[in-house]
Amino acid sequence: MLRAFIPQHEIENEVEHLLERGHAQGMSRRGPVDLDWLCEAILAWALVYDDTLPKGIEGFSDFQLRQVRLNTNVSNVERMRFTLAHELGHVVLHHPQLEGVLEQVRLFEAPPDPAALLRAPHIETQADRFGAALLLPRSRLSEFRFQPILDRVEQVYLHFQVSRQSARIRLQSLNLLHPPTLL
């Protein structure tokens, strides 16, 4: 069965492991994380941009075809990047577990709908946390050279191509967003 709880430190470790695999294969350590390349070159999943997905479906992982499908009708680049990072969370965190569940079920009964297994709220939360950690990796943020006179959220959102809200939440979660000191 899918694990009900994956601690944040395990999610962070999975992200860092994936990034190290990418770096070992030549992925840059600078700028935004190259999600397309991680998906296709490192994880060996096809990335399909699809303009036929229904409204409200920004993306999904097809475990049988080993594809991540993204809705091209999402106009916000930052949102599309988060959707891809979220789906990669399902691939890394849940695909190995789901394969085992599906194989076990195939032996005894009709296979369940993999998408239905992934809709559990805790599974989505895990994928969201993985996505945030992948877009804004702890290792890259700890090495980031913040300009003292500029807003940290602004610097991070521009550099890593994420939303301001994502930048703020991630910086706060890592204790890297300090309130301005009053003189």
N, C-alpha and C. Protein backbone atom coordinates (compact mmCIF):
# COMPACT_ATOMS: atom_id res chain seq x y z
N MET A 1 0.84 -1.19 0.00
CA MET A 1 0.00 0.00 0.00
C MET A 1 0.88 1.24 0.00
N LEU A 2 0.33 2.35 -0.45
CA LEU A 2 1.07 3.61 -0.44
C LEU A 2 1.26 4.08 0.99
N ARG A 3 2.46 4.56 1.30
CA ARG A 3 2.74 5.03 2.64
C ARG A 3 1.88 6.24 2.96
N ALA A 4 1.26 6.20 4.11
CA ALA A 4 0.38 7.29 4.52
C ALA A 4 1.18 8.54 4.90
N PHE A 5 2.39 8.35 5.39
CA PHE A 5 3.16 9.50 5.84
C PHE A 5 4.62 9.34 5.42
N ILE A 6 5.12 10.32 4.72
CA ILE A 6 6.55 10.38 4.40
C ILE A 6 7.05 11.67 5.05
N PRO A 7 7.95 11.55 6.02
CA PRO A 7 8.45 12.75 6.70
C PRO A 7 9.13 13.72 5.74
N GLN A 8 9.07 15.00 6.07
CA GLN A 8 9.65 16.04 5.22
C GLN A 8 11.13 15.79 4.95
N HIS A 9 11.88 15.33 5.95
CA HIS A 9 13.31 15.10 5.72
C HIS A 9 13.55 14.00 4.69
N GLU A 10 12.67 13.01 4.61
CA GLU A 10 12.81 11.97 3.59
C GLU A 10 12.49 12.54 2.21
N ILE A 11 11.50 13.40 2.14
CA ILE A 11 11.17 14.05 0.86
C ILE A 11 12.35 14.90 0.41
N GLU A 12 12.91 15.68 1.33
CA GLU A 12 14.09 16.51 1.00
C GLU A 12 15.25 15.64 0.52
N ASN A 13 15.47 14.50 1.18
CA ASN A 13 16.54 13.60 0.77
C ASN A 13 16.31 13.04 -0.62
N GLU A 14 15.07 12.70 -0.94
CA GLU A 14 14.75 12.20 -2.28
C GLU A 14 15.04 13.27 -3.34
N VAL A 15 14.69 14.52 -3.03
CA VAL A 15 14.96 15.62 -3.96
C VAL A 15 16.46 15.77 -4.17
N GLU A 16 17.22 15.81 -3.09
CA GLU A 16 18.67 15.99 -3.20
C GLU A 16 19.31 14.83 -3.96
N HIS A 17 18.80 13.62 -3.75
CA HIS A 17 19.32 12.46 -4.47
C HIS A 17 19.04 12.61 -5.98
N LEU A 18 17.84 13.02 -6.32
CA LEU A 18 17.49 13.23 -7.73
C LEU A 18 18.37 14.31 -8.35
N LEU A 19 18.57 15.41 -7.63
CA LEU A 19 19.42 16.49 -8.14
C LEU A 19 20.86 16.01 -8.33
N GLU A 20 21.37 15.24 -7.39
CA GLU A 20 22.74 14.72 -7.53
C GLU A 20 22.87 13.82 -8.74
N ARG A 21 21.83 13.00 -8.99
CA ARG A 21 21.84 12.18 -10.21
C ARG A 21 21.88 13.08 -11.44
N GLY A 22 21.11 14.16 -11.42
CA GLY A 22 21.12 15.11 -12.53
C GLY A 22 22.46 15.79 -12.69
N HIS A 23 23.05 16.22 -11.59
CA HIS A 23 24.35 16.90 -11.66
C HIS A 23 25.43 15.95 -12.17
N ALA A 24 25.37 14.70 -11.76
CA ALA A 24 26.34 13.71 -12.22
C ALA A 24 26.26 13.49 -13.73
N GLN A 25 25.08 13.78 -14.29
CA GLN A 25 24.89 13.64 -15.74
C GLN A 25 25.03 14.97 -16.48
N GLY A 26 25.50 16.00 -15.78
CA GLY A 26 25.79 17.26 -16.45
C GLY A 26 24.78 18.38 -16.27
N MET A 27 23.76 18.18 -15.44
CA MET A 27 22.78 19.25 -15.22
C MET A 27 23.44 20.39 -14.46
N SER A 28 23.14 21.59 -14.86
CA SER A 28 23.72 22.78 -14.23
C SER A 28 23.24 22.90 -12.78
N ARG A 29 24.12 23.43 -11.95
CA ARG A 29 23.78 23.71 -10.55
C ARG A 29 23.30 25.15 -10.39
N ARG A 30 23.26 25.90 -11.46
CA ARG A 30 22.85 27.30 -11.41
C ARG A 30 21.49 27.48 -12.07
N GLY A 31 20.83 28.54 -11.68
CA GLY A 31 19.54 28.86 -12.29
C GLY A 31 18.45 27.92 -11.84
N PRO A 32 17.29 28.01 -12.48
CA PRO A 32 16.17 27.15 -12.12
C PRO A 32 16.50 25.69 -12.43
N VAL A 33 15.95 24.80 -11.66
CA VAL A 33 16.14 23.37 -11.88
C VAL A 33 15.51 23.00 -13.22
N ASP A 34 16.24 22.25 -14.03
CA ASP A 34 15.77 21.83 -15.35
C ASP A 34 14.86 20.60 -15.19
N LEU A 35 13.59 20.87 -14.96
CA LEU A 35 12.63 19.82 -14.68
C LEU A 35 12.40 18.90 -15.87
N ASP A 36 12.34 19.47 -17.07
CA ASP A 36 12.13 18.67 -18.28
C ASP A 36 13.24 17.62 -18.41
N TRP A 37 14.46 18.06 -18.19
CA TRP A 37 15.62 17.17 -18.34
C TRP A 37 15.61 16.09 -17.26
N LEU A 38 15.27 16.47 -16.03
CA LEU A 38 15.20 15.47 -14.96
C LEU A 38 14.16 14.40 -15.31
N CYS A 39 13.02 14.84 -15.81
CA CYS A 39 11.94 13.92 -16.15
C CYS A 39 12.39 12.93 -17.23
N GLU A 40 12.94 13.46 -18.30
CA GLU A 40 13.24 12.62 -19.45
C GLU A 40 14.59 11.92 -19.36
N ALA A 41 15.63 12.62 -18.99
CA ALA A 41 16.97 12.04 -19.02
C ALA A 41 17.30 11.23 -17.77
N ILE A 42 16.87 11.68 -16.62
CA ILE A 42 17.23 11.00 -15.38
C ILE A 42 16.18 9.96 -14.98
N LEU A 43 14.92 10.34 -14.99
CA LEU A 43 13.87 9.40 -14.58
C LEU A 43 13.39 8.52 -15.73
N ALA A 44 13.73 8.89 -16.96
CA ALA A 44 13.34 8.13 -18.16
C ALA A 44 11.83 8.03 -18.32
N TRP A 45 11.14 9.15 -18.04
CA TRP A 45 9.72 9.27 -18.29
C TRP A 45 9.54 10.26 -19.43
N ALA A 46 8.59 10.00 -20.30
CA ALA A 46 8.29 10.93 -21.38
C ALA A 46 7.52 12.12 -20.82
N LEU A 47 7.82 13.28 -21.35
CA LEU A 47 7.11 14.50 -20.98
C LEU A 47 6.28 14.91 -22.18
N VAL A 48 4.96 14.96 -22.00
CA VAL A 48 4.05 15.24 -23.09
C VAL A 48 3.28 16.51 -22.77
N TYR A 49 3.39 17.49 -23.66
CA TYR A 49 2.60 18.72 -23.53
C TYR A 49 1.33 18.50 -24.33
N ASP A 50 0.19 18.65 -23.67
CA ASP A 50 -1.09 18.21 -24.23
C ASP A 50 -2.10 19.35 -24.16
N ASP A 51 -2.65 19.74 -25.31
CA ASP A 51 -3.66 20.80 -25.32
C ASP A 51 -5.08 20.24 -25.30
N THR A 52 -5.22 18.92 -25.11
CA THR A 52 -6.55 18.31 -25.10
C THR A 52 -7.01 17.94 -23.69
N LEU A 53 -6.19 18.21 -22.67
CA LEU A 53 -6.61 17.88 -21.31
C LEU A 53 -7.78 18.78 -20.90
N PRO A 54 -8.71 18.23 -20.15
CA PRO A 54 -9.87 19.03 -19.73
C PRO A 54 -9.47 20.20 -18.83
N LYS A 55 -10.28 21.23 -18.85
CA LYS A 55 -10.06 22.37 -17.97
C LYS A 55 -10.06 21.89 -16.53
N GLY A 56 -9.13 22.39 -15.75
CA GLY A 56 -9.01 21.98 -14.35
C GLY A 56 -8.00 20.87 -14.13
N ILE A 57 -7.59 20.20 -15.19
CA ILE A 57 -6.54 19.17 -15.09
C ILE A 57 -5.26 19.81 -15.62
N GLU A 58 -4.38 20.16 -14.71
CA GLU A 58 -3.13 20.82 -15.11
C GLU A 58 -2.06 19.82 -15.53
N GLY A 59 -2.16 18.61 -15.04
CA GLY A 59 -1.20 17.58 -15.40
C GLY A 59 -1.51 16.30 -14.67
N PHE A 60 -0.91 15.20 -15.14
CA PHE A 60 -1.04 13.93 -14.44
C PHE A 60 0.08 13.01 -14.87
N SER A 61 0.32 12.01 -14.04
CA SER A 61 1.34 11.00 -14.32
C SER A 61 0.64 9.73 -14.77
N ASP A 62 1.04 9.24 -15.94
CA ASP A 62 0.51 7.98 -16.46
C ASP A 62 1.54 6.90 -16.15
N PHE A 63 1.27 6.12 -15.11
CA PHE A 63 2.23 5.14 -14.63
C PHE A 63 2.41 3.97 -15.58
N GLN A 64 1.39 3.65 -16.35
CA GLN A 64 1.50 2.53 -17.29
C GLN A 64 2.35 2.92 -18.50
N LEU A 65 2.20 4.14 -18.99
CA LEU A 65 2.96 4.58 -20.16
C LEU A 65 4.26 5.30 -19.78
N ARG A 66 4.47 5.51 -18.47
CA ARG A 66 5.65 6.25 -17.98
C ARG A 66 5.71 7.63 -18.65
N GLN A 67 4.61 8.35 -18.53
CA GLN A 67 4.50 9.69 -19.09
C GLN A 67 4.00 10.66 -18.03
N VAL A 68 4.54 11.87 -18.10
CA VAL A 68 3.96 12.99 -17.37
C VAL A 68 3.32 13.87 -18.43
N ARG A 69 2.03 14.12 -18.29
CA ARG A 69 1.30 14.94 -19.26
C ARG A 69 0.97 16.28 -18.62
N LEU A 70 1.28 17.35 -19.33
CA LEU A 70 1.01 18.70 -18.85
C LEU A 70 0.05 19.40 -19.79
N ASN A 71 -0.89 20.11 -19.21
CA ASN A 71 -1.87 20.86 -19.97
C ASN A 71 -1.22 22.15 -20.50
N THR A 72 -1.16 22.29 -21.80
CA THR A 72 -0.54 23.48 -22.40
C THR A 72 -1.43 24.71 -22.29
N ASN A 73 -2.67 24.52 -21.86
CA ASN A 73 -3.57 25.66 -21.70
C ASN A 73 -3.36 26.40 -20.38
N VAL A 74 -2.41 25.97 -19.59
CA VAL A 74 -2.04 26.69 -18.37
C VAL A 74 -1.13 27.84 -18.81
N SER A 75 -1.60 29.07 -18.63
CA SER A 75 -0.87 30.21 -19.19
C SER A 75 0.28 30.68 -18.31
N ASN A 76 0.29 30.31 -17.07
CA ASN A 76 1.28 30.77 -16.13
C ASN A 76 2.47 29.79 -16.09
N VAL A 77 3.64 30.25 -16.50
CA VAL A 77 4.83 29.41 -16.55
C VAL A 77 5.18 28.85 -15.18
N GLU A 78 5.06 29.69 -14.15
CA GLU A 78 5.39 29.24 -12.80
C GLU A 78 4.45 28.11 -12.37
N ARG A 79 3.19 28.23 -12.72
CA ARG A 79 2.20 27.19 -12.37
C ARG A 79 2.52 25.89 -13.10
N MET A 80 2.90 25.99 -14.37
CA MET A 80 3.24 24.80 -15.13
C MET A 80 4.48 24.13 -14.54
N ARG A 81 5.46 24.93 -14.12
CA ARG A 81 6.67 24.36 -13.50
C ARG A 81 6.31 23.65 -12.20
N PHE A 82 5.41 24.26 -11.40
CA PHE A 82 5.02 23.60 -10.16
C PHE A 82 4.27 22.30 -10.46
N THR A 83 3.40 22.32 -11.45
CA THR A 83 2.66 21.11 -11.80
C THR A 83 3.62 19.99 -12.20
N LEU A 84 4.62 20.32 -13.01
CA LEU A 84 5.59 19.30 -13.41
C LEU A 84 6.37 18.81 -12.19
N ALA A 85 6.81 19.70 -11.33
CA ALA A 85 7.55 19.29 -10.12
C ALA A 85 6.67 18.41 -9.23
N HIS A 86 5.40 18.75 -9.11
CA HIS A 86 4.43 17.96 -8.33
C HIS A 86 4.31 16.56 -8.94
N GLU A 87 4.15 16.47 -10.24
CA GLU A 87 4.01 15.16 -10.90
C GLU A 87 5.29 14.34 -10.75
N LEU A 88 6.45 15.01 -10.79
CA LEU A 88 7.70 14.28 -10.56
C LEU A 88 7.75 13.75 -9.13
N GLY A 89 7.08 14.45 -8.21
CA GLY A 89 6.95 13.93 -6.86
C GLY A 89 6.21 12.61 -6.84
N HIS A 90 5.14 12.52 -7.60
CA HIS A 90 4.42 11.24 -7.70
C HIS A 90 5.33 10.16 -8.31
N VAL A 91 6.08 10.53 -9.34
CA VAL A 91 6.96 9.56 -9.99
C VAL A 91 8.00 9.03 -9.01
N VAL A 92 8.66 9.92 -8.29
CA VAL A 92 9.74 9.52 -7.39
C VAL A 92 9.21 8.87 -6.11
N LEU A 93 8.22 9.49 -5.49
CA LEU A 93 7.75 9.00 -4.19
C LEU A 93 6.77 7.85 -4.28
N HIS A 94 5.93 7.85 -5.31
CA HIS A 94 4.80 6.93 -5.32
C HIS A 94 4.87 5.85 -6.38
N HIS A 95 5.58 6.09 -7.48
CA HIS A 95 5.62 5.08 -8.53
C HIS A 95 6.19 3.76 -8.05
N PRO A 96 7.31 3.74 -7.32
CA PRO A 96 7.82 2.43 -6.86
C PRO A 96 6.81 1.70 -5.96
N GLN A 97 6.14 2.43 -5.10
CA GLN A 97 5.14 1.82 -4.21
C GLN A 97 3.93 1.36 -5.01
N LEU A 98 3.50 2.18 -5.94
CA LEU A 98 2.30 1.87 -6.72
C LEU A 98 2.54 0.65 -7.61
N GLU A 99 3.75 0.54 -8.17
CA GLU A 99 4.05 -0.64 -8.99
C GLU A 99 3.85 -1.92 -8.18
N GLY A 100 4.32 -1.92 -6.94
CA GLY A 100 4.16 -3.08 -6.08
C GLY A 100 2.71 -3.39 -5.79
N VAL A 101 1.93 -2.35 -5.53
CA VAL A 101 0.49 -2.53 -5.25
C VAL A 101 -0.20 -3.11 -6.47
N LEU A 102 0.07 -2.55 -7.64
CA LEU A 102 -0.59 -3.02 -8.85
C LEU A 102 -0.20 -4.45 -9.18
N GLU A 103 1.06 -4.80 -8.98
CA GLU A 103 1.52 -6.16 -9.25
C GLU A 103 0.85 -7.15 -8.31
N GLN A 104 0.75 -6.80 -7.04
CA GLN A 104 0.12 -7.66 -6.06
C GLN A 104 -1.38 -7.85 -6.37
N VAL A 105 -2.04 -6.76 -6.74
CA VAL A 105 -3.46 -6.83 -7.03
C VAL A 105 -3.71 -7.64 -8.30
N ARG A 106 -2.83 -7.52 -9.30
CA ARG A 106 -3.01 -8.26 -10.56
C ARG A 106 -3.08 -9.77 -10.32
N LEU A 107 -2.40 -10.23 -9.31
CA LEU A 107 -2.38 -11.66 -9.03
C LEU A 107 -3.72 -12.17 -8.50
N PHE A 108 -4.49 -11.28 -7.89
CA PHE A 108 -5.68 -11.74 -7.18
C PHE A 108 -7.01 -11.17 -7.68
N GLU A 109 -6.99 -9.99 -8.27
CA GLU A 109 -8.26 -9.36 -8.66
C GLU A 109 -8.02 -8.36 -9.78
N ALA A 110 -9.08 -7.74 -10.24
CA ALA A 110 -8.96 -6.73 -11.29
C ALA A 110 -8.14 -5.56 -10.76
N PRO A 111 -7.26 -5.01 -11.59
CA PRO A 111 -6.41 -3.92 -11.12
C PRO A 111 -7.20 -2.65 -10.83
N PRO A 112 -6.80 -1.92 -9.78
CA PRO A 112 -7.47 -0.67 -9.46
C PRO A 112 -7.03 0.42 -10.43
N ASP A 113 -7.74 1.51 -10.40
CA ASP A 113 -7.36 2.68 -11.19
C ASP A 113 -6.21 3.38 -10.47
N PRO A 114 -4.99 3.42 -11.08
CA PRO A 114 -3.87 4.06 -10.40
C PRO A 114 -4.14 5.51 -10.04
N ALA A 115 -4.87 6.21 -10.88
CA ALA A 115 -5.17 7.62 -10.60
C ALA A 115 -6.00 7.75 -9.33
N ALA A 116 -6.90 6.79 -9.10
CA ALA A 116 -7.73 6.84 -7.89
C ALA A 116 -6.87 6.66 -6.64
N LEU A 117 -5.85 5.81 -6.72
CA LEU A 117 -4.96 5.62 -5.57
C LEU A 117 -4.17 6.89 -5.25
N LEU A 118 -3.89 7.67 -6.28
CA LEU A 118 -3.08 8.88 -6.09
C LEU A 118 -3.89 10.09 -5.64
N ARG A 119 -5.20 9.99 -5.64
CA ARG A 119 -6.02 11.14 -5.27
C ARG A 119 -6.18 11.33 -3.77
N ALA A 120 -5.66 10.44 -2.97
CA ALA A 120 -5.76 10.58 -1.51
C ALA A 120 -5.07 11.87 -1.10
N PRO A 121 -5.68 12.63 -0.20
CA PRO A 121 -5.11 13.94 0.18
C PRO A 121 -3.66 13.89 0.64
N HIS A 122 -3.29 12.87 1.42
CA HIS A 122 -1.91 12.81 1.91
C HIS A 122 -0.93 12.56 0.76
N ILE A 123 -1.36 11.85 -0.25
CA ILE A 123 -0.50 11.59 -1.42
C ILE A 123 -0.26 12.90 -2.17
N GLU A 124 -1.32 13.69 -2.33
CA GLU A 124 -1.19 14.99 -3.00
C GLU A 124 -0.31 15.94 -2.19
N THR A 125 -0.45 15.92 -0.87
CA THR A 125 0.39 16.77 -0.01
C THR A 125 1.85 16.39 -0.16
N GLN A 126 2.14 15.10 -0.19
CA GLN A 126 3.53 14.65 -0.37
C GLN A 126 4.08 15.14 -1.70
N ALA A 127 3.29 15.02 -2.76
CA ALA A 127 3.75 15.47 -4.08
C ALA A 127 3.95 16.98 -4.10
N ASP A 128 3.07 17.73 -3.40
CA ASP A 128 3.24 19.18 -3.30
C ASP A 128 4.55 19.53 -2.60
N ARG A 129 4.83 18.84 -1.51
CA ARG A 129 6.06 19.12 -0.75
C ARG A 129 7.30 18.76 -1.56
N PHE A 130 7.22 17.65 -2.28
CA PHE A 130 8.34 17.28 -3.16
C PHE A 130 8.52 18.35 -4.23
N GLY A 131 7.42 18.80 -4.83
CA GLY A 131 7.49 19.82 -5.87
C GLY A 131 8.14 21.10 -5.37
N ALA A 132 7.75 21.56 -4.19
CA ALA A 132 8.33 22.77 -3.62
C ALA A 132 9.82 22.59 -3.36
N ALA A 133 10.19 21.43 -2.82
CA ALA A 133 11.60 21.17 -2.53
C ALA A 133 12.42 21.03 -3.81
N LEU A 134 11.82 20.52 -4.87
CA LEU A 134 12.54 20.37 -6.14
C LEU A 134 12.72 21.72 -6.84
N LEU A 135 11.69 22.54 -6.83
CA LEU A 135 11.79 23.86 -7.46
C LEU A 135 12.74 24.78 -6.71
N LEU A 136 12.76 24.64 -5.40
CA LEU A 136 13.59 25.50 -4.54
C LEU A 136 14.39 24.61 -3.59
N PRO A 137 15.41 23.92 -4.13
CA PRO A 137 16.14 22.95 -3.31
C PRO A 137 16.88 23.61 -2.15
N ARG A 138 16.84 22.95 -1.02
CA ARG A 138 17.53 23.43 0.18
C ARG A 138 18.99 23.74 -0.14
N SER A 139 19.66 22.84 -0.87
CA SER A 139 21.08 23.03 -1.16
C SER A 139 21.33 24.29 -1.99
N ARG A 140 20.50 24.55 -2.96
CA ARG A 140 20.69 25.74 -3.79
C ARG A 140 20.32 27.02 -3.04
N LEU A 141 19.30 26.96 -2.22
CA LEU A 141 18.92 28.15 -1.46
C LEU A 141 19.95 28.48 -0.40
N SER A 142 20.55 27.46 0.20
CA SER A 142 21.56 27.74 1.23
C SER A 142 22.83 28.33 0.63
N GLU A 143 23.06 28.10 -0.66
CA GLU A 143 24.23 28.66 -1.35
C GLU A 143 23.92 29.95 -2.10
N PHE A 144 22.65 30.30 -2.16
CA PHE A 144 22.22 31.47 -2.93
C PHE A 144 22.80 32.75 -2.32
N ARG A 145 23.33 33.60 -3.15
CA ARG A 145 23.91 34.86 -2.70
C ARG A 145 22.85 35.96 -2.78
N PHE A 146 22.22 36.20 -1.64
CA PHE A 146 21.19 37.23 -1.58
C PHE A 146 21.83 38.60 -1.59
N GLN A 147 21.21 39.51 -2.35
CA GLN A 147 21.64 40.90 -2.36
C GLN A 147 20.99 41.60 -1.17
N PRO A 148 21.78 42.21 -0.30
CA PRO A 148 21.22 42.73 0.96
C PRO A 148 20.15 43.80 0.80
N ILE A 149 20.20 44.58 -0.27
CA ILE A 149 19.24 45.68 -0.38
C ILE A 149 17.96 45.28 -1.11
N LEU A 150 17.91 44.06 -1.63
CA LEU A 150 16.74 43.61 -2.38
C LEU A 150 15.93 42.60 -1.56
N ASP A 151 14.65 42.54 -1.83
CA ASP A 151 13.74 41.62 -1.16
C ASP A 151 14.12 40.18 -1.51
N ARG A 152 14.26 39.33 -0.50
CA ARG A 152 14.65 37.94 -0.72
C ARG A 152 13.62 37.17 -1.55
N VAL A 153 12.36 37.37 -1.26
CA VAL A 153 11.31 36.67 -2.01
C VAL A 153 11.41 37.03 -3.49
N GLU A 154 11.59 38.30 -3.77
CA GLU A 154 11.70 38.76 -5.16
C GLU A 154 12.89 38.12 -5.86
N GLN A 155 14.02 38.07 -5.18
CA GLN A 155 15.23 37.49 -5.76
C GLN A 155 15.02 36.00 -6.09
N VAL A 156 14.42 35.28 -5.16
CA VAL A 156 14.23 33.84 -5.33
C VAL A 156 13.20 33.56 -6.42
N TYR A 157 12.09 34.29 -6.41
CA TYR A 157 11.06 34.00 -7.41
C TYR A 157 11.58 34.28 -8.82
N LEU A 158 12.36 35.33 -8.99
CA LEU A 158 12.91 35.64 -10.31
C LEU A 158 13.97 34.62 -10.74
N HIS A 159 14.84 34.27 -9.82
CA HIS A 159 15.95 33.37 -10.15
C HIS A 159 15.48 31.94 -10.44
N PHE A 160 14.54 31.43 -9.63
CA PHE A 160 14.14 30.04 -9.74
C PHE A 160 12.86 29.82 -10.55
N GLN A 161 12.28 30.91 -11.07
CA GLN A 161 11.07 30.84 -11.91
C GLN A 161 9.92 30.14 -11.18
N VAL A 162 9.62 30.65 -10.00
CA VAL A 162 8.48 30.16 -9.21
C VAL A 162 7.61 31.36 -8.86
N SER A 163 6.47 31.11 -8.29
CA SER A 163 5.60 32.21 -7.88
C SER A 163 6.17 32.88 -6.63
N ARG A 164 5.75 34.11 -6.39
CA ARG A 164 6.16 34.81 -5.17
C ARG A 164 5.70 34.03 -3.94
N GLN A 165 4.48 33.51 -3.99
CA GLN A 165 3.94 32.77 -2.86
C GLN A 165 4.79 31.53 -2.58
N SER A 166 5.16 30.79 -3.61
CA SER A 166 6.00 29.60 -3.42
C SER A 166 7.35 29.98 -2.82
N ALA A 167 7.93 31.06 -3.33
CA ALA A 167 9.22 31.51 -2.81
C ALA A 167 9.10 31.88 -1.34
N ARG A 168 8.07 32.61 -0.98
CA ARG A 168 7.89 33.03 0.42
C ARG A 168 7.70 31.82 1.34
N ILE A 169 6.83 30.91 0.97
CA ILE A 169 6.55 29.74 1.80
C ILE A 169 7.80 28.89 1.99
N ARG A 170 8.54 28.67 0.90
CA ARG A 170 9.74 27.82 0.99
C ARG A 170 10.82 28.50 1.83
N LEU A 171 11.03 29.79 1.62
CA LEU A 171 12.03 30.50 2.42
C LEU A 171 11.65 30.47 3.90
N GLN A 172 10.38 30.65 4.20
CA GLN A 172 9.93 30.58 5.60
C GLN A 172 10.15 29.19 6.18
N SER A 173 9.83 28.15 5.40
CA SER A 173 9.96 26.78 5.91
C SER A 173 11.41 26.42 6.20
N LEU A 174 12.34 27.07 5.50
CA LEU A 174 13.77 26.81 5.71
C LEU A 174 14.42 27.84 6.64
N ASN A 175 13.59 28.70 7.22
CA ASN A 175 14.08 29.77 8.11
C ASN A 175 15.10 30.68 7.41
N LEU A 176 14.85 30.94 6.13
CA LEU A 176 15.72 31.83 5.36
C LEU A 176 15.08 33.18 5.09
N LEU A 177 13.88 33.37 5.57
CA LEU A 177 13.19 34.64 5.38
C LEU A 177 13.08 35.31 6.74
N HIS A 178 13.89 36.30 6.92
CA HIS A 178 13.94 36.97 8.21
C HIS A 178 13.21 38.31 8.09
N PRO A 179 12.45 38.67 9.08
CA PRO A 179 11.81 39.99 9.01
C PRO A 179 12.89 41.07 9.04
N PRO A 180 12.64 42.17 8.36
CA PRO A 180 13.64 43.24 8.36
C PRO A 180 13.87 43.76 9.78
N THR A 181 15.09 44.04 10.07
CA THR A 181 15.39 44.58 11.39
C THR A 181 15.11 46.07 11.39
N LEU A 182 14.54 46.53 12.46
CA LEU A 182 14.24 47.96 12.61
C LEU A 182 15.38 48.61 13.37
N LEU A 183 15.85 49.72 12.84
CA LEU A 183 16.95 50.43 13.50
C LEU A 183 16.43 51.49 14.43
